[in-house]
């Protein structure tokens, strides 16, 4: 007698959807793929700067800036608000 059909539960969120604190929030797959592509591109850009730029200290600063910006952008894309 305790069994109810899903239509009889009434309005609200279905159980196990994550809003009640018991479920796990899932990232959209397209956002995760885009974030990985951006992070890899930032790393490749940083390595290219290190290999091609003549000044070692300037190249290091530029490579850190490029990789930091790329990872920041990837994190903003990957984590939904």
PDB file of N, CA and C in Angstrom:
ATOM      1  N   UNK A   1       0.803  -1.185   0.000  1.00  0.00           N
ATOM      2  CA  UNK A   1       0.000   0.000   0.000  1.00  0.00           C
ATOM      3  C   UNK A   1       0.855   1.262   0.000  1.00  0.00           C
ATOM      4  N   UNK A   2       2.115   1.184   0.383  1.00  0.00           N
ATOM      5  CA  UNK A   2       2.964   2.361   0.432  1.00  0.00           C
ATOM      6  C   UNK A   2       3.536   2.734  -0.920  1.00  0.00           C
ATOM      7  N   UNK A   3       3.262   1.975  -1.953  1.00  0.00           N
ATOM      8  CA  UNK A   3       3.817   2.251  -3.272  1.00  0.00           C
ATOM      9  C   UNK A   3       2.949   3.280  -3.987  1.00  0.00           C
ATOM     10  N   UNK A   4       3.593   4.346  -4.464  1.00  0.00           N
ATOM     11  CA  UNK A   4       2.884   5.372  -5.213  1.00  0.00           C
ATOM     12  C   UNK A   4       3.501   5.498  -6.594  1.00  0.00           C
ATOM     13  N   UNK A   5       2.689   5.758  -7.554  1.00  0.00           N
ATOM     14  CA  UNK A   5       3.186   6.023  -8.897  1.00  0.00           C
ATOM     15  C   UNK A   5       3.835   7.403  -8.926  1.00  0.00           C
ATOM     16  N   UNK A   6       4.776   7.646  -9.837  1.00  0.00           N
ATOM     17  CA  UNK A   6       5.436   8.958  -9.888  1.00  0.00           C
ATOM     18  C   UNK A   6       4.468  10.123 -10.068  1.00  0.00           C
ATOM     19  N   UNK A   7       3.347   9.926 -10.756  1.00  0.00           N
ATOM     20  CA  UNK A   7       2.384  11.010 -10.957  1.00  0.00           C
ATOM     21  C   UNK A   7       1.644  11.347  -9.667  1.00  0.00           C
ATOM     22  N   UNK A   8       1.609  10.433  -8.698  1.00  0.00           N
ATOM     23  CA  UNK A   8       0.880  10.664  -7.456  1.00  0.00           C
ATOM     24  C   UNK A   8       1.709  11.360  -6.390  1.00  0.00           C
ATOM     25  N   UNK A   9       2.989  11.586  -6.656  1.00  0.00           N
ATOM     26  CA  UNK A   9       3.847  12.214  -5.653  1.00  0.00           C
ATOM     27  C   UNK A   9       3.577  13.701  -5.523  1.00  0.00           C
ATOM     28  N   UNK A  10       3.026  14.294  -6.544  1.00  0.00           N
ATOM     29  CA  UNK A  10       2.748  15.719  -6.500  1.00  0.00           C
ATOM     30  C   UNK A  10       3.903  16.529  -7.057  1.00  0.00           C
ATOM     31  N   UNK A  11       3.791  17.837  -6.997  1.00  0.00           N
ATOM     32  CA  UNK A  11       4.843  18.684  -7.560  1.00  0.00           C
ATOM     33  C   UNK A  11       6.103  18.641  -6.716  1.00  0.00           C
ATOM     34  N   UNK A  12       7.183  19.055  -7.332  1.00  0.00           N
ATOM     35  CA  UNK A  12       8.456  19.059  -6.617  1.00  0.00           C
ATOM     36  C   UNK A  12       9.499  18.308  -7.406  1.00  0.00           C
ATOM     37  N   UNK A  13      10.662  18.211  -6.829  1.00  0.00           N
ATOM     38  CA  UNK A  13      11.745  17.526  -7.515  1.00  0.00           C
ATOM     39  C   UNK A  13      11.683  16.041  -7.217  1.00  0.00           C
ATOM     40  N   UNK A  14      11.955  15.214  -8.220  1.00  0.00           N
ATOM     41  CA  UNK A  14      11.978  13.776  -7.968  1.00  0.00           C
ATOM     42  C   UNK A  14      13.150  13.412  -7.055  1.00  0.00           C
ATOM     43  N   UNK A  15      13.018  12.342  -6.299  1.00  0.00           N
ATOM     44  CA  UNK A  15      14.112  11.962  -5.399  1.00  0.00           C
ATOM     45  C   UNK A  15      15.358  11.556  -6.166  1.00  0.00           C
ATOM     46  N   UNK A  16      16.518  11.896  -5.605  1.00  0.00           N
ATOM     47  CA  UNK A  16      17.780  11.520  -6.202  1.00  0.00           C
ATOM     48  C   UNK A  16      18.255  12.462  -7.292  1.00  0.00           C
ATOM     49  N   UNK A  17      17.695  13.674  -7.373  1.00  0.00           N
ATOM     50  CA  UNK A  17      18.114  14.593  -8.425  1.00  0.00           C
ATOM     51  C   UNK A  17      19.262  15.482  -8.000  1.00  0.00           C
ATOM     52  N   UNK A  18      19.652  15.488  -6.767  1.00  0.00           N
ATOM     53  CA  UNK A  18      20.801  16.262  -6.338  1.00  0.00           C
ATOM     54  C   UNK A  18      20.440  17.528  -5.605  1.00  0.00           C
ATOM     55  N   UNK A  19      19.203  17.984  -5.685  1.00  0.00           N
ATOM     56  CA  UNK A  19      18.825  19.222  -5.016  1.00  0.00           C
ATOM     57  C   UNK A  19      18.564  19.022  -3.525  1.00  0.00           C
ATOM     58  N   UNK A  20      18.344  17.799  -3.133  1.00  0.00           N
ATOM     59  CA  UNK A  20      18.098  17.542  -1.715  1.00  0.00           C
ATOM     60  C   UNK A  20      19.378  17.176  -0.978  1.00  0.00           C
ATOM     61  N   UNK A  21      20.528  17.236  -1.648  1.00  0.00           N
ATOM     62  CA  UNK A  21      21.801  16.973  -1.008  1.00  0.00           C
ATOM     63  C   UNK A  21      22.246  15.524  -1.036  1.00  0.00           C
ATOM     64  N   UNK A  22      21.428  14.647  -1.602  1.00  0.00           N
ATOM     65  CA  UNK A  22      21.819  13.241  -1.612  1.00  0.00           C
ATOM     66  C   UNK A  22      22.431  12.815  -2.936  1.00  0.00           C
ATOM     67  N   UNK A  23      22.140  13.530  -4.022  1.00  0.00           N
ATOM     68  CA  UNK A  23      22.655  13.159  -5.333  1.00  0.00           C
ATOM     69  C   UNK A  23      23.978  13.850  -5.620  1.00  0.00           C
ATOM     70  N   UNK A  24      24.594  13.469  -6.691  1.00  0.00           N
ATOM     71  CA  UNK A  24      25.864  14.054  -7.125  1.00  0.00           C
ATOM     72  C   UNK A  24      25.585  14.929  -8.333  1.00  0.00           C
ATOM     73  N   UNK A  25      26.028  16.182  -8.281  1.00  0.00           N
ATOM     74  CA  UNK A  25      25.833  17.078  -9.406  1.00  0.00           C
ATOM     75  C   UNK A  25      26.708  16.636 -10.569  1.00  0.00           C
ATOM     76  N   UNK A  26      26.141  16.615 -11.759  1.00  0.00           N
ATOM     77  CA  UNK A  26      26.877  16.167 -12.941  1.00  0.00           C
ATOM     78  C   UNK A  26      27.206  17.354 -13.816  1.00  0.00           C
ATOM     79  N   UNK A  27      28.425  17.374 -14.360  1.00  0.00           N
ATOM     80  CA  UNK A  27      28.836  18.419 -15.289  1.00  0.00           C
ATOM     81  C   UNK A  27      28.331  18.081 -16.677  1.00  0.00           C
ATOM     82  N   UNK A  28      27.929  19.092 -17.413  1.00  0.00           N
ATOM     83  CA  UNK A  28      27.594  18.819 -18.813  1.00  0.00           C
ATOM     84  C   UNK A  28      28.842  18.340 -19.562  1.00  0.00           C
ATOM     85  N   UNK A  29      28.685  17.341 -20.389  1.00  0.00           N
ATOM     86  CA  UNK A  29      29.827  16.718 -21.054  1.00  0.00           C
ATOM     87  C   UNK A  29      30.487  17.705 -22.018  1.00  0.00           C
ATOM     88  N   UNK A  30      29.686  18.507 -22.709  1.00  0.00           N
ATOM     89  CA  UNK A  30      30.271  19.438 -23.673  1.00  0.00           C
ATOM     90  C   UNK A  30      31.124  20.487 -22.965  1.00  0.00           C
ATOM     91  N   UNK A  31      30.716  20.924 -21.788  1.00  0.00           N
ATOM     92  CA  UNK A  31      31.522  21.880 -21.031  1.00  0.00           C
ATOM     93  C   UNK A  31      32.837  21.251 -20.581  1.00  0.00           C
ATOM     94  N   UNK A  32      32.784  20.017 -20.159  1.00  0.00           N
ATOM     95  CA  UNK A  32      33.999  19.346 -19.708  1.00  0.00           C
ATOM     96  C   UNK A  32      34.976  19.129 -20.861  1.00  0.00           C
ATOM     97  N   UNK A  33      34.456  18.763 -22.021  1.00  0.00           N
ATOM     98  CA  UNK A  33      35.319  18.556 -23.182  1.00  0.00           C
ATOM     99  C   UNK A  33      35.952  19.866 -23.615  1.00  0.00           C
ATOM    100  N   UNK A  34      35.163  20.934 -23.645  1.00  0.00           N
ATOM    101  CA  UNK A  34      35.699  22.246 -24.020  1.00  0.00           C
ATOM    102  C   UNK A  34      36.767  22.705 -23.029  1.00  0.00           C
ATOM    103  N   UNK A  35      36.556  22.441 -21.747  1.00  0.00           N
ATOM    104  CA  UNK A  35      37.536  22.840 -20.739  1.00  0.00           C
ATOM    105  C   UNK A  35      38.851  22.092 -20.906  1.00  0.00           C
ATOM    106  N   UNK A  36      38.776  20.809 -21.216  1.00  0.00           N
ATOM    107  CA  UNK A  36      39.996  20.027 -21.426  1.00  0.00           C
ATOM    108  C   UNK A  36      40.738  20.524 -22.661  1.00  0.00           C
ATOM    109  N   UNK A  37      40.009  20.830 -23.729  1.00  0.00           N
ATOM    110  CA  UNK A  37      40.647  21.339 -24.950  1.00  0.00           C
ATOM    111  C   UNK A  37      41.328  22.673 -24.683  1.00  0.00           C
ATOM    112  N   UNK A  38      40.683  23.551 -23.943  1.00  0.00           N
ATOM    113  CA  UNK A  38      41.275  24.854 -23.627  1.00  0.00           C
ATOM    114  C   UNK A  38      42.513  24.696 -22.751  1.00  0.00           C
ATOM    115  N   UNK A  39      42.452  23.803 -21.769  1.00  0.00           N
ATOM    116  CA  UNK A  39      43.607  23.596 -20.892  1.00  0.00           C
ATOM    117  C   UNK A  39      44.797  23.032 -21.655  1.00  0.00           C
ATOM    118  N   UNK A  40      44.548  22.092 -22.553  1.00  0.00           N
ATOM    119  CA  UNK A  40      45.635  21.517 -23.354  1.00  0.00           C
ATOM    120  C   UNK A  40      46.214  22.562 -24.302  1.00  0.00           C
ATOM    121  N   UNK A  41      45.346  23.379 -24.901  1.00  0.00           N
ATOM    122  CA  UNK A  41      45.832  24.435 -25.797  1.00  0.00           C
ATOM    123  C   UNK A  41      46.668  25.460 -25.030  1.00  0.00           C
ATOM    124  N   UNK A  42      46.278  25.764 -23.804  1.00  0.00           N
ATOM    125  CA  UNK A  42      47.061  26.707 -22.996  1.00  0.00           C
ATOM    126  C   UNK A  42      48.430  26.124 -22.663  1.00  0.00           C
ATOM    127  N   UNK A  43      48.472  24.855 -22.329  1.00  0.00           N
ATOM    128  CA  UNK A  43      49.766  24.223 -22.046  1.00  0.00           C
ATOM    129  C   UNK A  43      50.660  24.176 -23.281  1.00  0.00           C
ATOM    130  N   UNK A  44      50.081  23.857 -24.426  1.00  0.00           N
ATOM    131  CA  UNK A  44      50.872  23.826 -25.657  1.00  0.00           C
ATOM    132  C   UNK A  44      51.367  25.223 -26.023  1.00  0.00           C
ATOM    133  N   UNK A  45      50.537  26.227 -25.803  1.00  0.00           N
ATOM    134  CA  UNK A  45      50.967  27.595 -26.057  1.00  0.00           C
ATOM    135  C   UNK A  45      52.093  28.020 -25.135  1.00  0.00           C
ATOM    136  N   UNK A  46      52.014  27.622 -23.877  1.00  0.00           N
ATOM    137  CA  UNK A  46      53.074  27.956 -22.927  1.00  0.00           C
ATOM    138  C   UNK A  46      54.384  27.270 -23.293  1.00  0.00           C
ATOM    139  N   UNK A  47      54.311  26.023 -23.724  1.00  0.00           N
ATOM    140  CA  UNK A  47      55.523  25.306 -24.139  1.00  0.00           C
ATOM    141  C   UNK A  47      56.109  25.948 -25.397  1.00  0.00           C
ATOM    142  N   UNK A  48      55.255  26.349 -26.329  1.00  0.00           N
ATOM    143  CA  UNK A  48      55.733  27.003 -27.548  1.00  0.00           C
ATOM    144  C   UNK A  48      56.434  28.319 -27.229  1.00  0.00           C
ATOM    145  N   UNK A  49      55.897  29.070 -26.270  1.00  0.00           N
ATOM    146  CA  UNK A  49      56.537  30.333 -25.875  1.00  0.00           C
ATOM    147  C   UNK A  49      57.896  30.052 -25.246  1.00  0.00           C
ATOM    148  N   UNK A  50      57.964  29.047 -24.414  1.00  0.00           N
ATOM    149  CA  UNK A  50      59.249  28.724 -23.787  1.00  0.00           C
ATOM    150  C   UNK A  50      60.295  28.311 -24.818  1.00  0.00           C
ATOM    151  N   UNK A  51      59.867  27.625 -25.863  1.00  0.00           N
ATOM    152  CA  UNK A  51      60.819  27.159 -26.866  1.00  0.00           C
ATOM    153  C   UNK A  51      61.233  28.258 -27.851  1.00  0.00           C
ATOM    154  N   UNK A  52      60.334  29.184 -28.144  1.00  0.00           N
ATOM    155  CA  UNK A  52      60.585  30.135 -29.215  1.00  0.00           C
ATOM    156  C   UNK A  52      61.047  31.512 -28.750  1.00  0.00           C
ATOM    157  N   UNK A  53      60.760  31.892 -27.531  1.00  0.00           N
ATOM    158  CA  UNK A  53      61.112  33.226 -27.067  1.00  0.00           C
ATOM    159  C   UNK A  53      62.569  33.258 -26.610  1.00  0.00           C
ATOM    160  N   UNK A  54      63.312  34.287 -26.990  1.00  0.00           N
ATOM    161  CA  UNK A  54      64.746  34.288 -26.663  1.00  0.00           C
ATOM    162  C   UNK A  54      65.050  34.579 -25.185  1.00  0.00           C
ATOM    163  N   UNK A  55      64.347  35.484 -24.538  1.00  0.00           N
ATOM    164  CA  UNK A  55      64.637  35.810 -23.138  1.00  0.00           C
ATOM    165  C   UNK A  55      64.044  34.781 -22.202  1.00  0.00           C
ATOM    166  N   UNK A  56      64.866  34.211 -21.338  1.00  0.00           N
ATOM    167  CA  UNK A  56      64.366  33.116 -20.489  1.00  0.00           C
ATOM    168  C   UNK A  56      63.405  33.616 -19.419  1.00  0.00           C
ATOM    169  N   UNK A  57      63.714  34.740 -18.793  1.00  0.00           N
ATOM    170  CA  UNK A  57      62.836  35.235 -17.735  1.00  0.00           C
ATOM    171  C   UNK A  57      61.532  35.765 -18.313  1.00  0.00           C
ATOM    172  N   UNK A  58      61.615  36.472 -19.434  1.00  0.00           N
ATOM    173  CA  UNK A  58      60.399  36.963 -20.079  1.00  0.00           C
ATOM    174  C   UNK A  58      59.560  35.812 -20.612  1.00  0.00           C
ATOM    175  N   UNK A  59      60.226  34.803 -21.141  1.00  0.00           N
ATOM    176  CA  UNK A  59      59.506  33.638 -21.659  1.00  0.00           C
ATOM    177  C   UNK A  59      58.805  32.894 -20.528  1.00  0.00           C
ATOM    178  N   UNK A  60      59.466  32.799 -19.402  1.00  0.00           N
ATOM    179  CA  UNK A  60      58.854  32.111 -18.259  1.00  0.00           C
ATOM    180  C   UNK A  60      57.622  32.865 -17.771  1.00  0.00           C
ATOM    181  N   UNK A  61      57.730  34.183 -17.683  1.00  0.00           N
ATOM    182  CA  UNK A  61      56.584  34.988 -17.254  1.00  0.00           C
ATOM    183  C   UNK A  61      55.426  34.902 -18.227  1.00  0.00           C
ATOM    184  N   UNK A  62      55.730  34.938 -19.504  1.00  0.00           N
ATOM    185  CA  UNK A  62      54.685  34.837 -20.523  1.00  0.00           C
ATOM    186  C   UNK A  62      54.042  33.455 -20.502  1.00  0.00           C
ATOM    187  N   UNK A  63      54.840  32.413 -20.342  1.00  0.00           N
ATOM    188  CA  UNK A  63      54.299  31.059 -20.309  1.00  0.00           C
ATOM    189  C   UNK A  63      53.396  30.846 -19.094  1.00  0.00           C
ATOM    190  N   UNK A  64      53.795  31.400 -17.961  1.00  0.00           N
ATOM    191  CA  UNK A  64      52.951  31.277 -16.755  1.00  0.00           C
ATOM    192  C   UNK A  64      51.649  32.041 -16.941  1.00  0.00           C
ATOM    193  N   UNK A  65      51.728  33.210 -17.561  1.00  0.00           N
ATOM    194  CA  UNK A  65      50.519  33.998 -17.801  1.00  0.00           C
ATOM    195  C   UNK A  65      49.568  33.277 -18.746  1.00  0.00           C
ATOM    196  N   UNK A  66      50.107  32.708 -19.821  1.00  0.00           N
ATOM    197  CA  UNK A  66      49.268  31.992 -20.790  1.00  0.00           C
ATOM    198  C   UNK A  66      48.625  30.763 -20.151  1.00  0.00           C
ATOM    199  N   UNK A  67      49.411  29.988 -19.434  1.00  0.00           N
ATOM    200  CA  UNK A  67      48.838  28.778 -18.825  1.00  0.00           C
ATOM    201  C   UNK A  67      47.855  29.130 -17.717  1.00  0.00           C
ATOM    202  N   UNK A  68      48.146  30.145 -16.923  1.00  0.00           N
ATOM    203  CA  UNK A  68      47.207  30.560 -15.869  1.00  0.00           C
ATOM    204  C   UNK A  68      45.893  31.063 -16.436  1.00  0.00           C
ATOM    205  N   UNK A  69      45.972  31.853 -17.497  1.00  0.00           N
ATOM    206  CA  UNK A  69      44.745  32.348 -18.131  1.00  0.00           C
ATOM    207  C   UNK A  69      43.950  31.208 -18.751  1.00  0.00           C
ATOM    208  N   UNK A  70      44.642  30.261 -19.364  1.00  0.00           N
ATOM    209  CA  UNK A  70      43.951  29.127 -19.967  1.00  0.00           C
ATOM    210  C   UNK A  70      43.252  28.249 -18.940  1.00  0.00           C
ATOM    211  N   UNK A  71      43.928  27.996 -17.831  1.00  0.00           N
ATOM    212  CA  UNK A  71      43.306  27.178 -16.790  1.00  0.00           C
ATOM    213  C   UNK A  71      42.156  27.918 -16.102  1.00  0.00           C
ATOM    214  N   UNK A  72      42.277  29.234 -15.966  1.00  0.00           N
ATOM    215  CA  UNK A  72      41.172  30.010 -15.391  1.00  0.00           C
ATOM    216  C   UNK A  72      39.950  29.953 -16.297  1.00  0.00           C
ATOM    217  N   UNK A  73      40.158  30.127 -17.580  1.00  0.00           N
ATOM    218  CA  UNK A  73      39.054  30.040 -18.532  1.00  0.00           C
ATOM    219  C   UNK A  73      38.448  28.650 -18.548  1.00  0.00           C
ATOM    220  N   UNK A  74      39.290  27.622 -18.506  1.00  0.00           N
ATOM    221  CA  UNK A  74      38.780  26.251 -18.499  1.00  0.00           C
ATOM    222  C   UNK A  74      37.961  25.973 -17.242  1.00  0.00           C
ATOM    223  N   UNK A  75      38.409  26.492 -16.109  1.00  0.00           N
ATOM    224  CA  UNK A  75      37.642  26.286 -14.870  1.00  0.00           C
ATOM    225  C   UNK A  75      36.309  27.013 -14.909  1.00  0.00           C
ATOM    226  N   UNK A  76      36.285  28.195 -15.494  1.00  0.00           N
ATOM    227  CA  UNK A  76      35.011  28.932 -15.598  1.00  0.00           C
ATOM    228  C   UNK A  76      34.031  28.220 -16.512  1.00  0.00           C
ATOM    229  N   UNK A  77      34.546  27.596 -17.554  1.00  0.00           N
ATOM    230  CA  UNK A  77      33.663  26.893 -18.483  1.00  0.00           C
ATOM    231  C   UNK A  77      33.187  25.581 -17.866  1.00  0.00           C
ATOM    232  N   UNK A  78      34.063  24.875 -17.175  1.00  0.00           N
ATOM    233  CA  UNK A  78      33.735  23.539 -16.680  1.00  0.00           C
ATOM    234  C   UNK A  78      32.781  23.558 -15.495  1.00  0.00           C
ATOM    235  N   UNK A  79      32.905  24.542 -14.612  1.00  0.00           N
ATOM    236  CA  UNK A  79      32.107  24.557 -13.389  1.00  0.00           C
ATOM    237  C   UNK A  79      30.846  25.385 -13.615  1.00  0.00           C
ATOM    238  N   UNK A  80      29.681  24.768 -13.608  1.00  0.00           N
ATOM    239  CA  UNK A  80      28.443  25.537 -13.791  1.00  0.00           C
ATOM    240  C   UNK A  80      28.100  26.325 -12.537  1.00  0.00           C
ATOM    241  N   UNK A  81      27.416  27.417 -12.739  1.00  0.00           N
ATOM    242  CA  UNK A  81      27.005  28.255 -11.586  1.00  0.00           C
ATOM    243  C   UNK A  81      25.591  27.952 -11.197  1.00  0.00           C
TER     244      UNK A  81
END
